[in-house]
Amino acid sequence: MISINRVTNARVWIDGTDFIARAEEVDLPKVKYKTTELKALGLVGETELHTIVDKMEARIKFNSVYPDFIAYASDPTKVHTVIVRAPVQVYDQHGVTVKPLRAEIKGYFKEFDTGKLKKGDNAEVEASMAVIYYKLEVDDKEIYEIDVFNNILKVNGEDKLSEYRQALGG
């Protein structure tokens, strides 16, 4: 059965504060694995082996300047939590159903672009975040959970690093 998923809206909370009508766009973290090249005698070719999760970044674009947010988010020693919720509309031969998407992102805001000011337009302000924790769920199913400081990497709910943590002694 064919189904088409569409996400056309979302809502953002930062440290528990609802940013409804203020956040315009969110770039969720890109999950990328660093690799190392394997060249070895006796193998017919070369390949790459994954090593670690590459650094992750999130970005939030706001529709104006919000000095209260910029003031408290500019503290480089504080970890902030961003929650994004969205309806995933699933179209199939029976009609449309809606499944919840929830992303939880923790990290440090590392860059603020306080935007361009143009007559008749809202300012476009962007904040970038160095991500230390990322969890993505769709329809209450865990897609990813990555916790950099606690050596957690879960994919589709499966803990991929339990043996790794045991080998490290913890």
Protein backbone atom coordinates (compact mmCIF):
# COMPACT_ATOMS: atom_id res chain seq x y z
CA MET A 1 0.00 0.00 0.00
CA ILE A 2 1.35 3.41 -0.97
CA SER A 3 1.33 6.20 1.59
CA ILE A 4 2.59 9.76 1.33
CA ASN A 5 3.78 11.65 4.41
CA ARG A 6 3.60 15.45 4.65
CA VAL A 7 4.69 17.79 7.42
CA THR A 8 3.37 21.30 6.83
CA ASN A 9 3.40 22.87 10.29
CA ALA A 10 5.19 22.63 13.62
CA ARG A 11 5.38 24.20 17.05
CA VAL A 12 8.55 25.02 18.98
CA TRP A 13 9.31 25.25 22.70
CA ILE A 14 12.65 26.46 24.03
CA ASP A 15 13.33 25.72 27.69
CA GLY A 16 9.59 25.31 28.24
CA THR A 17 8.62 28.61 26.59
CA ASP A 18 6.19 28.29 23.69
CA PHE A 19 7.50 30.08 20.61
CA ILE A 20 4.21 29.91 18.71
CA ALA A 21 4.11 32.58 15.98
CA ARG A 22 7.75 33.52 16.66
CA ALA A 23 9.78 30.61 15.27
CA GLU A 24 9.52 30.50 11.51
CA GLU A 25 11.71 27.54 10.59
CA VAL A 26 13.69 24.79 12.35
CA ASP A 27 16.52 22.71 10.92
CA LEU A 28 16.63 19.48 12.89
CA PRO A 29 20.08 17.95 13.41
CA LYS A 30 21.59 16.02 10.54
CA VAL A 31 22.75 12.58 11.72
CA LYS A 32 26.00 11.72 10.00
CA TYR A 33 28.53 9.04 10.87
CA LYS A 34 32.23 9.72 10.58
CA THR A 35 34.09 6.99 8.77
CA THR A 36 37.61 5.75 8.40
CA GLU A 37 38.98 4.26 5.22
CA LEU A 38 39.93 0.59 5.22
CA LYS A 39 42.67 -0.47 2.80
CA ALA A 40 44.02 -3.90 3.58
CA LEU A 41 45.99 -6.61 1.85
CA GLY A 42 43.91 -9.58 0.87
CA LEU A 43 40.74 -7.56 0.24
CA VAL A 44 39.43 -7.08 -3.26
CA GLY A 45 38.70 -3.42 -2.65
CA GLU A 46 38.58 -0.53 -0.25
CA THR A 47 35.70 0.53 1.97
CA GLU A 48 34.78 2.88 4.77
CA LEU A 49 33.91 1.83 8.32
CA HIS A 50 31.84 4.02 10.59
CA THR A 51 33.55 5.24 13.74
CA ILE A 52 31.52 7.87 15.60
CA VAL A 53 28.57 10.19 15.16
CA ASP A 54 29.71 13.46 13.61
CA LYS A 55 28.95 16.71 15.42
CA MET A 56 25.33 17.76 15.13
CA GLU A 57 23.86 21.21 14.72
CA ALA A 58 20.35 22.64 14.83
CA ARG A 59 19.15 26.00 13.56
CA ILE A 60 16.09 28.07 14.40
CA LYS A 61 14.92 30.96 12.28
CA PHE A 62 12.76 33.58 13.98
CA ASN A 63 10.44 36.09 12.34
CA SER A 64 11.72 39.07 14.36
CA VAL A 65 14.14 40.17 17.05
CA TYR A 66 13.20 38.79 20.49
CA PRO A 67 15.69 40.33 22.94
CA ASP A 68 14.49 38.24 25.91
CA PHE A 69 15.37 35.04 24.02
CA ILE A 70 18.70 36.35 22.74
CA ALA A 71 19.66 37.53 26.24
CA TYR A 72 19.17 34.20 28.02
CA ALA A 73 20.20 31.95 25.13
CA SER A 74 23.50 33.81 24.70
CA ASP A 75 24.96 32.24 27.86
CA PRO A 76 27.53 29.75 26.47
CA THR A 77 27.62 27.80 29.75
CA LYS A 78 23.95 26.79 29.74
CA VAL A 79 22.40 23.79 28.02
CA HIS A 80 19.06 24.59 26.41
CA THR A 81 16.26 22.20 25.46
CA VAL A 82 14.31 22.66 22.25
CA ILE A 83 11.14 20.63 21.67
CA VAL A 84 9.58 20.54 18.21
CA ARG A 85 6.18 18.95 17.65
CA ALA A 86 4.56 18.48 14.27
CA PRO A 87 1.64 16.61 12.73
CA VAL A 88 2.69 14.10 10.07
CA GLN A 89 -0.22 13.82 7.66
CA VAL A 90 -0.31 10.36 6.09
CA TYR A 91 -2.24 10.13 2.82
CA ASP A 92 -3.22 6.69 1.53
CA GLN A 93 -6.06 4.95 -0.29
CA HIS A 94 -8.29 5.25 2.81
CA GLY A 95 -7.84 9.00 3.33
CA VAL A 96 -5.69 11.04 5.69
CA THR A 97 -4.47 10.15 9.17
CA VAL A 98 -2.26 12.22 11.45
CA LYS A 99 0.70 10.89 13.41
CA PRO A 100 2.70 12.94 15.91
CA LEU A 101 6.33 13.88 15.34
CA ARG A 102 8.38 14.96 18.35
CA ALA A 103 12.00 16.07 18.33
CA GLU A 104 13.94 16.86 21.50
CA ILE A 105 17.22 18.70 21.08
CA LYS A 106 19.64 19.73 23.83
CA GLY A 107 22.72 21.82 23.36
CA TYR A 108 24.44 25.16 23.49
CA PHE A 109 23.47 28.11 21.34
CA LYS A 110 26.66 29.01 19.54
CA GLU A 111 25.75 31.64 16.99
CA PHE A 112 23.19 34.41 16.61
CA ASP A 113 22.59 36.17 13.33
CA THR A 114 20.48 39.13 14.40
CA GLY A 115 19.33 39.59 10.88
CA LYS A 116 18.62 42.12 8.24
CA LEU A 117 16.36 45.07 8.81
CA LYS A 118 14.35 46.16 5.77
CA LYS A 119 11.53 48.63 5.49
CA GLY A 120 8.19 46.84 5.49
CA ASP A 121 9.66 43.41 6.34
CA ASN A 122 10.18 41.50 9.54
CA ALA A 123 13.75 40.95 10.61
CA GLU A 124 15.05 37.44 9.97
CA VAL A 125 16.96 36.28 13.02
CA GLU A 126 18.72 32.90 13.20
CA ALA A 127 20.26 30.99 16.08
CA SER A 128 22.52 27.94 15.66
CA MET A 129 22.95 25.29 18.32
CA ALA A 130 25.73 22.78 18.99
CA VAL A 131 23.73 19.62 19.76
CA ILE A 132 24.70 17.19 22.53
CA TYR A 133 21.41 15.25 22.64
CA TYR A 134 18.86 14.45 19.94
CA LYS A 135 15.78 12.28 20.07
CA LEU A 136 13.34 11.91 17.19
CA GLU A 137 10.02 10.09 17.50
CA VAL A 138 7.30 9.59 14.91
CA ASP A 139 3.97 8.04 15.88
CA ASP A 140 5.44 7.43 19.37
CA LYS A 141 8.17 5.23 17.86
CA GLU A 142 11.77 6.15 18.52
CA ILE A 143 13.71 6.78 15.32
CA TYR A 144 16.91 8.16 16.88
CA GLU A 145 18.25 8.83 20.32
CA ILE A 146 21.78 10.18 20.42
CA ASP A 147 23.36 11.34 23.68
CA VAL A 148 26.95 12.39 23.05
CA PHE A 149 28.06 12.69 26.70
CA ASN A 150 26.49 9.37 27.78
CA ASN A 151 27.58 7.27 24.77
CA ILE A 152 24.01 6.49 23.73
CA LEU A 153 23.12 5.73 20.14
CA LYS A 154 19.70 4.19 19.57
CA VAL A 155 18.29 3.57 16.11
CA ASN A 156 14.67 2.42 15.81
CA GLY A 157 14.68 1.86 19.57
CA GLU A 158 17.67 -0.51 19.47
CA ASP A 159 20.67 0.40 21.64
CA LYS A 160 23.64 0.20 19.28
CA LEU A 161 26.30 0.94 21.92
CA SER A 162 25.44 -1.28 24.90
CA GLU A 163 28.43 -3.59 24.26
CA TYR A 164 30.63 -0.55 23.62
CA ARG A 165 29.68 0.98 27.00
CA GLN A 166 30.26 -2.37 28.73
CA ALA A 167 33.72 -2.61 27.15
CA LEU A 168 34.47 0.86 28.52
CA GLY A 169 33.51 -0.39 31.98
CA GLY A 170 30.20 1.37 32.42
